[in-house]
Amino acid sequence: MMERILSVTRLPHYRLRLRFTDGVEGEVDLAYLVGSGVFDAWRDESVFRAVRVDPLTRTVTWPGGLDLCPDVLYHQVTGKPLPTQSDKASSA
């Protein structure tokens, strides 16, 4: 099972501080996403500031149903490889 997000803290310049279920904490810089595709809404910083942790999926979400994969965020924080399809199938 991959780790999920316990808490999120907004930081300046489209960065987030995340804490995961295994205790790992770190920052991710999401500025590169602003203005592209569904992330166009983040041009309005008040939308980005509305980030929260969804209590069911344990990932970060924004109004309008926008969310980010906790596996990718964990990889960005730790540098550990993303799970492969075979990893996911064997843990099911």
PDB file of N, CA and C in Angstrom:
ATOM      1  N   MET A   1       0.827  -1.179   0.000  1.00  0.00           N
ATOM      2  CA  MET A   1       0.000   0.000   0.000  1.00  0.00           C
ATOM      3  C   MET A   1       0.874   1.247   0.000  1.00  0.00           C
ATOM      4  N   MET A   2       0.524   2.170  -0.853  1.00  0.00           N
ATOM      5  CA  MET A   2       1.260   3.429  -0.888  1.00  0.00           C
ATOM      6  C   MET A   2       0.775   4.339   0.233  1.00  0.00           C
ATOM      7  N   GLU A   3       1.607   5.261   0.586  1.00  0.00           N
ATOM      8  CA  GLU A   3       1.290   6.186   1.665  1.00  0.00           C
ATOM      9  C   GLU A   3       0.258   7.213   1.206  1.00  0.00           C
ATOM     10  N   ARG A   4      -0.501   7.710   2.133  1.00  0.00           N
ATOM     11  CA  ARG A   4      -1.512   8.727   1.870  1.00  0.00           C
ATOM     12  C   ARG A   4      -1.202   9.959   2.699  1.00  0.00           C
ATOM     13  N   ILE A   5      -1.869  11.046   2.410  1.00  0.00           N
ATOM     14  CA  ILE A   5      -1.570  12.333   3.030  1.00  0.00           C
ATOM     15  C   ILE A   5      -2.414  12.527   4.291  1.00  0.00           C
ATOM     16  N   LEU A   6      -1.735  12.916   5.360  1.00  0.00           N
ATOM     17  CA  LEU A   6      -2.413  13.215   6.621  1.00  0.00           C
ATOM     18  C   LEU A   6      -2.712  14.696   6.769  1.00  0.00           C
ATOM     19  N   SER A   7      -1.769  15.545   6.339  1.00  0.00           N
ATOM     20  CA  SER A   7      -1.987  16.979   6.491  1.00  0.00           C
ATOM     21  C   SER A   7      -1.303  17.750   5.377  1.00  0.00           C
ATOM     22  N   VAL A   8      -1.837  18.945   5.118  1.00  0.00           N
ATOM     23  CA  VAL A   8      -1.272  19.848   4.117  1.00  0.00           C
ATOM     24  C   VAL A   8      -1.226  21.251   4.704  1.00  0.00           C
ATOM     25  N   THR A   9      -0.130  21.947   4.425  1.00  0.00           N
ATOM     26  CA  THR A   9       0.022  23.344   4.803  1.00  0.00           C
ATOM     27  C   THR A   9       0.396  24.122   3.559  1.00  0.00           C
ATOM     28  N   ARG A  10      -0.346  25.192   3.291  1.00  0.00           N
ATOM     29  CA  ARG A  10      -0.030  26.046   2.145  1.00  0.00           C
ATOM     30  C   ARG A  10       1.211  26.869   2.455  1.00  0.00           C
ATOM     31  N   LEU A  11       2.048  27.008   1.454  1.00  0.00           N
ATOM     32  CA  LEU A  11       3.236  27.843   1.551  1.00  0.00           C
ATOM     33  C   LEU A  11       3.199  28.856   0.402  1.00  0.00           C
ATOM     34  N   PRO A  12       4.005  29.896   0.469  1.00  0.00           N
ATOM     35  CA  PRO A  12       4.011  30.874  -0.630  1.00  0.00           C
ATOM     36  C   PRO A  12       4.451  30.260  -1.960  1.00  0.00           C
ATOM     37  N   HIS A  13       4.068  30.914  -3.032  1.00  0.00           N
ATOM     38  CA  HIS A  13       4.527  30.585  -4.383  1.00  0.00           C
ATOM     39  C   HIS A  13       4.121  29.189  -4.847  1.00  0.00           C
ATOM     40  N   TYR A  14       2.881  28.797  -4.560  1.00  0.00           N
ATOM     41  CA  TYR A  14       2.311  27.527  -5.036  1.00  0.00           C
ATOM     42  C   TYR A  14       3.081  26.312  -4.522  1.00  0.00           C
ATOM     43  N   ARG A  15       3.496  26.370  -3.281  1.00  0.00           N
ATOM     44  CA  ARG A  15       4.153  25.227  -2.650  1.00  0.00           C
ATOM     45  C   ARG A  15       3.260  24.700  -1.540  1.00  0.00           C
ATOM     46  N   LEU A  16       3.413  23.400  -1.261  1.00  0.00           N
ATOM     47  CA  LEU A  16       2.677  22.750  -0.181  1.00  0.00           C
ATOM     48  C   LEU A  16       3.652  21.989   0.701  1.00  0.00           C
ATOM     49  N   ARG A  17       3.383  21.977   1.979  1.00  0.00           N
ATOM     50  CA  ARG A  17       4.104  21.085   2.908  1.00  0.00           C
ATOM     51  C   ARG A  17       3.143  19.961   3.224  1.00  0.00           C
ATOM     52  N   LEU A  18       3.597  18.723   3.014  1.00  0.00           N
ATOM     53  CA  LEU A  18       2.756  17.542   3.182  1.00  0.00           C
ATOM     54  C   LEU A  18       3.309  16.633   4.262  1.00  0.00           C
ATOM     55  N   ARG A  19       2.402  15.972   4.982  1.00  0.00           N
ATOM     56  CA  ARG A  19       2.785  14.921   5.932  1.00  0.00           C
ATOM     57  C   ARG A  19       2.028  13.669   5.529  1.00  0.00           C
ATOM     58  N   PHE A  20       2.760  12.571   5.386  1.00  0.00           N
ATOM     59  CA  PHE A  20       2.199  11.301   4.921  1.00  0.00           C
ATOM     60  C   PHE A  20       1.973  10.329   6.079  1.00  0.00           C
ATOM     61  N   THR A  21       1.224   9.275   5.797  1.00  0.00           N
ATOM     62  CA  THR A  21       0.855   8.303   6.826  1.00  0.00           C
ATOM     63  C   THR A  21       2.047   7.573   7.434  1.00  0.00           C
ATOM     64  N   ASP A  22       3.190   7.538   6.750  1.00  0.00           N
ATOM     65  CA  ASP A  22       4.367   6.882   7.328  1.00  0.00           C
ATOM     66  C   ASP A  22       5.249   7.854   8.107  1.00  0.00           C
ATOM     67  N   GLY A  23       4.780   9.102   8.264  1.00  0.00           N
ATOM     68  CA  GLY A  23       5.537  10.101   9.009  1.00  0.00           C
ATOM     69  C   GLY A  23       6.432  10.979   8.166  1.00  0.00           C
ATOM     70  N   VAL A  24       6.619  10.635   6.901  1.00  0.00           N
ATOM     71  CA  VAL A  24       7.445  11.454   6.016  1.00  0.00           C
ATOM     72  C   VAL A  24       6.785  12.816   5.830  1.00  0.00           C
ATOM     73  N   GLU A  25       7.598  13.870   5.886  1.00  0.00           N
ATOM     74  CA  GLU A  25       7.129  15.229   5.637  1.00  0.00           C
ATOM     75  C   GLU A  25       8.047  15.883   4.623  1.00  0.00           C
ATOM     76  N   GLY A  26       7.478  16.762   3.825  1.00  0.00           N
ATOM     77  CA  GLY A  26       8.290  17.486   2.866  1.00  0.00           C
ATOM     78  C   GLY A  26       7.454  18.449   2.060  1.00  0.00           C
ATOM     79  N   GLU A  27       8.159  19.207   1.222  1.00  0.00           N
ATOM     80  CA  GLU A  27       7.522  20.228   0.406  1.00  0.00           C
ATOM     81  C   GLU A  27       7.503  19.830  -1.055  1.00  0.00           C
ATOM     82  N   VAL A  28       6.443  20.278  -1.737  1.00  0.00           N
ATOM     83  CA  VAL A  28       6.360  20.138  -3.185  1.00  0.00           C
ATOM     84  C   VAL A  28       6.086  21.517  -3.772  1.00  0.00           C
ATOM     85  N   ASP A  29       6.710  21.781  -4.906  1.00  0.00           N
ATOM     86  CA  ASP A  29       6.527  23.035  -5.625  1.00  0.00           C
ATOM     87  C   ASP A  29       5.633  22.736  -6.818  1.00  0.00           C
ATOM     88  N   LEU A  30       4.438  23.319  -6.825  1.00  0.00           N
ATOM     89  CA  LEU A  30       3.467  23.054  -7.884  1.00  0.00           C
ATOM     90  C   LEU A  30       3.321  24.230  -8.844  1.00  0.00           C
ATOM     91  N   ALA A  31       4.210  25.206  -8.765  1.00  0.00           N
ATOM     92  CA  ALA A  31       4.118  26.392  -9.614  1.00  0.00           C
ATOM     93  C   ALA A  31       4.157  26.036 -11.098  1.00  0.00           C
ATOM     94  N   TYR A  32       4.851  24.971 -11.457  1.00  0.00           N
ATOM     95  CA  TYR A  32       4.956  24.586 -12.866  1.00  0.00           C
ATOM     96  C   TYR A  32       3.612  24.176 -13.465  1.00  0.00           C
ATOM     97  N   LEU A  33       2.629  23.855 -12.619  1.00  0.00           N
ATOM     98  CA  LEU A  33       1.307  23.444 -13.114  1.00  0.00           C
ATOM     99  C   LEU A  33       0.361  24.619 -13.361  1.00  0.00           C
ATOM    100  N   VAL A  34       0.628  25.753 -12.736  1.00  0.00           N
ATOM    101  CA  VAL A  34      -0.292  26.898 -12.798  1.00  0.00           C
ATOM    102  C   VAL A  34      -0.518  27.325 -14.244  1.00  0.00           C
ATOM    103  N   GLY A  35      -1.790  27.382 -14.621  1.00  0.00           N
ATOM    104  CA  GLY A  35      -2.155  27.853 -15.952  1.00  0.00           C
ATOM    105  C   GLY A  35      -2.254  26.783 -17.009  1.00  0.00           C
ATOM    106  N   SER A  36      -1.880  25.540 -16.688  1.00  0.00           N
ATOM    107  CA  SER A  36      -1.946  24.483 -17.707  1.00  0.00           C
ATOM    108  C   SER A  36      -3.151  23.577 -17.452  1.00  0.00           C
ATOM    109  N   GLY A  37      -3.989  23.431 -18.472  1.00  0.00           N
ATOM    110  CA  GLY A  37      -5.146  22.542 -18.392  1.00  0.00           C
ATOM    111  C   GLY A  37      -6.045  22.873 -17.219  1.00  0.00           C
ATOM    112  N   VAL A  38      -6.396  21.843 -16.440  1.00  0.00           N
ATOM    113  CA  VAL A  38      -7.307  22.037 -15.304  1.00  0.00           C
ATOM    114  C   VAL A  38      -6.705  22.937 -14.224  1.00  0.00           C
ATOM    115  N   PHE A  39      -5.406  23.137 -14.262  1.00  0.00           N
ATOM    116  CA  PHE A  39      -4.738  23.975 -13.265  1.00  0.00           C
ATOM    117  C   PHE A  39      -4.800  25.462 -13.616  1.00  0.00           C
ATOM    118  N   ASP A  40      -5.490  25.797 -14.690  1.00  0.00           N
ATOM    119  CA  ASP A  40      -5.691  27.195 -15.044  1.00  0.00           C
ATOM    120  C   ASP A  40      -6.417  27.935 -13.919  1.00  0.00           C
ATOM    121  N   ALA A  41      -7.268  27.227 -13.199  1.00  0.00           N
ATOM    122  CA  ALA A  41      -8.012  27.837 -12.084  1.00  0.00           C
ATOM    123  C   ALA A  41      -7.070  28.386 -11.017  1.00  0.00           C
ATOM    124  N   TRP A  42      -5.868  27.841 -10.918  1.00  0.00           N
ATOM    125  CA  TRP A  42      -4.920  28.302  -9.899  1.00  0.00           C
ATOM    126  C   TRP A  42      -4.363  29.687 -10.203  1.00  0.00           C
ATOM    127  N   ARG A  43      -4.614  30.217 -11.402  1.00  0.00           N
ATOM    128  CA  ARG A  43      -4.190  31.598 -11.673  1.00  0.00           C
ATOM    129  C   ARG A  43      -4.812  32.533 -10.641  1.00  0.00           C
ATOM    130  N   ASP A  44      -5.988  32.144 -10.160  1.00  0.00           N
ATOM    131  CA  ASP A  44      -6.617  32.843  -9.037  1.00  0.00           C
ATOM    132  C   ASP A  44      -6.076  32.180  -7.768  1.00  0.00           C
ATOM    133  N   GLU A  45      -5.150  32.853  -7.112  1.00  0.00           N
ATOM    134  CA  GLU A  45      -4.480  32.235  -5.952  1.00  0.00           C
ATOM    135  C   GLU A  45      -5.439  31.824  -4.849  1.00  0.00           C
ATOM    136  N   SER A  46      -6.603  32.454  -4.783  1.00  0.00           N
ATOM    137  CA  SER A  46      -7.562  32.065  -3.745  1.00  0.00           C
ATOM    138  C   SER A  46      -8.050  30.632  -3.975  1.00  0.00           C
ATOM    139  N   VAL A  47      -8.078  30.185  -5.218  1.00  0.00           N
ATOM    140  CA  VAL A  47      -8.455  28.799  -5.510  1.00  0.00           C
ATOM    141  C   VAL A  47      -7.360  27.860  -4.994  1.00  0.00           C
ATOM    142  N   PHE A  48      -6.112  28.173  -5.258  1.00  0.00           N
ATOM    143  CA  PHE A  48      -5.017  27.328  -4.768  1.00  0.00           C
ATOM    144  C   PHE A  48      -5.007  27.295  -3.243  1.00  0.00           C
ATOM    145  N   ARG A  49      -5.275  28.427  -2.624  1.00  0.00           N
ATOM    146  CA  ARG A  49      -5.259  28.498  -1.154  1.00  0.00           C
ATOM    147  C   ARG A  49      -6.369  27.674  -0.510  1.00  0.00           C
ATOM    148  N   ALA A  50      -7.359  27.246  -1.300  1.00  0.00           N
ATOM    149  CA  ALA A  50      -8.471  26.442  -0.765  1.00  0.00           C
ATOM    150  C   ALA A  50      -8.123  24.958  -0.655  1.00  0.00           C
ATOM    151  N   VAL A  51      -6.865  24.599  -0.765  1.00  0.00           N
ATOM    152  CA  VAL A  51      -6.435  23.198  -0.694  1.00  0.00           C
ATOM    153  C   VAL A  51      -6.831  22.580   0.649  1.00  0.00           C
ATOM    154  N   ARG A  52      -7.136  21.298   0.611  1.00  0.00           N
ATOM    155  CA  ARG A  52      -7.449  20.550   1.829  1.00  0.00           C
ATOM    156  C   ARG A  52      -7.126  19.085   1.572  1.00  0.00           C
ATOM    157  N   VAL A  53      -7.134  18.288   2.625  1.00  0.00           N
ATOM    158  CA  VAL A  53      -6.960  16.837   2.495  1.00  0.00           C
ATOM    159  C   VAL A  53      -8.342  16.211   2.485  1.00  0.00           C
ATOM    160  N   ASP A  54      -8.636  15.436   1.453  1.00  0.00           N
ATOM    161  CA  ASP A  54      -9.913  14.731   1.383  1.00  0.00           C
ATOM    162  C   ASP A  54      -9.878  13.595   2.402  1.00  0.00           C
ATOM    163  N   PRO A  55     -10.872  13.505   3.294  1.00  0.00           N
ATOM    164  CA  PRO A  55     -10.839  12.484   4.348  1.00  0.00           C
ATOM    165  C   PRO A  55     -11.016  11.056   3.841  1.00  0.00           C
ATOM    166  N   LEU A  56     -11.577  10.878   2.661  1.00  0.00           N
ATOM    167  CA  LEU A  56     -11.754   9.523   2.120  1.00  0.00           C
ATOM    168  C   LEU A  56     -10.561   9.058   1.302  1.00  0.00           C
ATOM    169  N   THR A  57     -10.081   9.910   0.387  1.00  0.00           N
ATOM    170  CA  THR A  57      -8.988   9.508  -0.504  1.00  0.00           C
ATOM    171  C   THR A  57      -7.616   9.795   0.078  1.00  0.00           C
ATOM    172  N   ARG A  58      -7.564  10.650   1.125  1.00  0.00           N
ATOM    173  CA  ARG A  58      -6.316  11.040   1.782  1.00  0.00           C
ATOM    174  C   ARG A  58      -5.318  11.626   0.790  1.00  0.00           C
ATOM    175  N   THR A  59      -5.822  12.476  -0.101  1.00  0.00           N
ATOM    176  CA  THR A  59      -4.951  13.246  -0.971  1.00  0.00           C
ATOM    177  C   THR A  59      -5.395  14.692  -0.935  1.00  0.00           C
ATOM    178  N   VAL A  60      -4.606  15.571  -1.558  1.00  0.00           N
ATOM    179  CA  VAL A  60      -4.953  16.986  -1.571  1.00  0.00           C
ATOM    180  C   VAL A  60      -5.985  17.253  -2.655  1.00  0.00           C
ATOM    181  N   THR A  61      -6.953  18.103  -2.323  1.00  0.00           N
ATOM    182  CA  THR A  61      -8.025  18.445  -3.251  1.00  0.00           C
ATOM    183  C   THR A  61      -8.288  19.938  -3.211  1.00  0.00           C
ATOM    184  N   TRP A  62      -8.941  20.406  -4.279  1.00  0.00           N
ATOM    185  CA  TRP A  62      -9.349  21.799  -4.411  1.00  0.00           C
ATOM    186  C   TRP A  62     -10.792  21.833  -4.868  1.00  0.00           C
ATOM    187  N   PRO A  63     -11.439  22.980  -4.721  1.00  0.00           N
ATOM    188  CA  PRO A  63     -12.818  23.108  -5.201  1.00  0.00           C
ATOM    189  C   PRO A  63     -12.934  22.726  -6.684  1.00  0.00           C
ATOM    190  N   GLY A  64     -14.061  22.169  -7.032  1.00  0.00           N
ATOM    191  CA  GLY A  64     -14.281  21.766  -8.417  1.00  0.00           C
ATOM    192  C   GLY A  64     -13.825  20.351  -8.716  1.00  0.00           C
ATOM    193  N   GLY A  65     -13.422  19.613  -7.681  1.00  0.00           N
ATOM    194  CA  GLY A  65     -13.028  18.221  -7.877  1.00  0.00           C
ATOM    195  C   GLY A  65     -11.592  18.014  -8.316  1.00  0.00           C
ATOM    196  N   LEU A  66     -10.771  19.045  -8.288  1.00  0.00           N
ATOM    197  CA  LEU A  66      -9.371  18.913  -8.678  1.00  0.00           C
ATOM    198  C   LEU A  66      -8.595  18.247  -7.547  1.00  0.00           C
ATOM    199  N   ASP A  67      -7.780  17.234  -7.895  1.00  0.00           N
ATOM    200  CA  ASP A  67      -6.929  16.590  -6.897  1.00  0.00           C
ATOM    201  C   ASP A  67      -5.637  16.147  -7.546  1.00  0.00           C
ATOM    202  N   LEU A  68      -4.688  15.743  -6.713  1.00  0.00           N
ATOM    203  CA  LEU A  68      -3.402  15.239  -7.193  1.00  0.00           C
ATOM    204  C   LEU A  68      -3.149  13.861  -6.597  1.00  0.00           C
ATOM    205  N   CYS A  69      -2.509  13.021  -7.372  1.00  0.00           N
ATOM    206  CA  CYS A  69      -2.225  11.650  -6.960  1.00  0.00           C
ATOM    207  C   CYS A  69      -1.243  11.641  -5.781  1.00  0.00           C
ATOM    208  N   PRO A  70      -1.619  11.003  -4.670  1.00  0.00           N
ATOM    209  CA  PRO A  70      -0.707  10.973  -3.524  1.00  0.00           C
ATOM    210  C   PRO A  70       0.581  10.199  -3.823  1.00  0.00           C
ATOM    211  N   ASP A  71       0.540   9.222  -4.724  1.00  0.00           N
ATOM    212  CA  ASP A  71       1.757   8.481  -5.073  1.00  0.00           C
ATOM    213  C   ASP A  71       2.779   9.409  -5.730  1.00  0.00           C
ATOM    214  N   VAL A  72       2.306  10.254  -6.636  1.00  0.00           N
ATOM    215  CA  VAL A  72       3.195  11.195  -7.322  1.00  0.00           C
ATOM    216  C   VAL A  72       3.755  12.210  -6.327  1.00  0.00           C
ATOM    217  N   LEU A  73       2.919  12.711  -5.444  1.00  0.00           N
ATOM    218  CA  LEU A  73       3.379  13.667  -4.440  1.00  0.00           C
ATOM    219  C   LEU A  73       4.413  13.032  -3.512  1.00  0.00           C
ATOM    220  N   TYR A  74       4.188  11.788  -3.119  1.00  0.00           N
ATOM    221  CA  TYR A  74       5.145  11.071  -2.263  1.00  0.00           C
ATOM    222  C   TYR A  74       6.485  10.936  -2.986  1.00  0.00           C
ATOM    223  N   HIS A  75       6.424  10.610  -4.264  1.00  0.00           N
ATOM    224  CA  HIS A  75       7.641  10.505  -5.075  1.00  0.00           C
ATOM    225  C   HIS A  75       8.368  11.851  -5.121  1.00  0.00           C
ATOM    226  N   GLN A  76       7.620  12.936  -5.296  1.00  0.00           N
ATOM    227  CA  GLN A  76       8.240  14.263  -5.357  1.00  0.00           C
ATOM    228  C   GLN A  76       8.919  14.619  -4.040  1.00  0.00           C
ATOM    229  N   VAL A  77       8.340  14.227  -2.935  1.00  0.00           N
ATOM    230  CA  VAL A  77       8.913  14.528  -1.621  1.00  0.00           C
ATOM    231  C   VAL A  77      10.120  13.645  -1.321  1.00  0.00           C
ATOM    232  N   THR A  78      10.023  12.349  -1.616  1.00  0.00           N
ATOM    233  CA  THR A  78      11.056  11.398  -1.191  1.00  0.00           C
ATOM    234  C   THR A  78      12.051  11.009  -2.272  1.00  0.00           C
ATOM    235  N   GLY A  79      11.649  11.126  -3.527  1.00  0.00           N
ATOM    236  CA  GLY A  79      12.499  10.645  -4.622  1.00  0.00           C
ATOM    237  C   GLY A  79      12.384   9.152  -4.842  1.00  0.00           C
ATOM    238  N   LYS A  80      11.562   8.468  -4.036  1.00  0.00           N
ATOM    239  CA  LYS A  80      11.373   7.026  -4.216  1.00  0.00           C
ATOM    240  C   LYS A  80      10.612   6.773  -5.508  1.00  0.00           C
ATOM    241  N   PRO A  81      10.879   5.631  -6.168  1.00  0.00           N
ATOM    242  CA  PRO A  81      10.199   5.341  -7.435  1.00  0.00           C
ATOM    243  C   PRO A  81       8.684   5.223  -7.267  1.00  0.00           C
ATOM    244  N   LEU A  82       7.990   5.588  -8.321  1.00  0.00           N
ATOM    245  CA  LEU A  82       6.543   5.404  -8.342  1.00  0.00           C
ATOM    246  C   LEU A  82       6.228   3.919  -8.432  1.00  0.00           C
ATOM    247  N   PRO A  83       5.106   3.490  -7.849  1.00  0.00           N
ATOM    248  CA  PRO A  83       4.742   2.071  -7.965  1.00  0.00           C
ATOM    249  C   PRO A  83       4.416   1.721  -9.409  1.00  0.00           C
ATOM    250  N   THR A  84       4.744   0.498  -9.787  1.00  0.00           N
ATOM    251  CA  THR A  84       4.401   0.014 -11.130  1.00  0.00           C
ATOM    252  C   THR A  84       3.058  -0.683 -11.077  1.00  0.00           C
ATOM    253  N   GLN A  85       2.502  -0.975 -12.234  1.00  0.00           N
ATOM    254  CA  GLN A  85       1.229  -1.702 -12.279  1.00  0.00           C
ATOM    255  C   GLN A  85       1.355  -3.047 -11.570  1.00  0.00           C
ATOM    256  N   SER A  86       2.493  -3.736 -11.716  1.00  0.00           N
ATOM    257  CA  SER A  86       2.645  -5.041 -11.063  1.00  0.00           C
ATOM    258  C   SER A  86       2.713  -4.878  -9.546  1.00  0.00           C
ATOM    259  N   ASP A  87       3.302  -3.759  -9.066  1.00  0.00           N
ATOM    260  CA  ASP A  87       3.314  -3.502  -7.620  1.00  0.00           C
ATOM    261  C   ASP A  87       1.899  -3.342  -7.094  1.00  0.00           C
ATOM    262  N   LYS A  88       1.085  -2.601  -7.843  1.00  0.00           N
ATOM    263  CA  LYS A  88      -0.293  -2.363  -7.426  1.00  0.00           C
ATOM    264  C   LYS A  88      -1.098  -3.647  -7.443  1.00  0.00           C
ATOM    265  N   ALA A  89      -0.883  -4.510  -8.453  1.00  0.00           N
ATOM    266  CA  ALA A  89      -1.639  -5.763  -8.568  1.00  0.00           C
ATOM    267  C   ALA A  89      -1.265  -6.716  -7.429  1.00  0.00           C
ATOM    268  N   SER A  90       0.018  -6.735  -7.049  1.00  0.00           N
ATOM    269  CA  SER A  90       0.431  -7.674  -6.001  1.00  0.00           C
ATOM    270  C   SER A  90      -0.023  -7.239  -4.615  1.00  0.00           C
ATOM    271  N   SER A  91      -0.344  -5.941  -4.448  1.00  0.00           N
ATOM    272  CA  SER A  91      -0.802  -5.484  -3.136  1.00  0.00           C
ATOM    273  C   SER A  91      -2.325  -5.535  -3.015  1.00  0.00           C
ATOM    274  N   ALA A  92      -3.010  -5.890  -4.079  1.00  0.00           N
ATOM    275  CA  ALA A  92      -4.481  -5.943  -4.048  1.00  0.00           C
ATOM    276  C   ALA A  92      -4.980  -7.182  -3.360  1.00  0.00           C
TER     277      ALA A  92
END
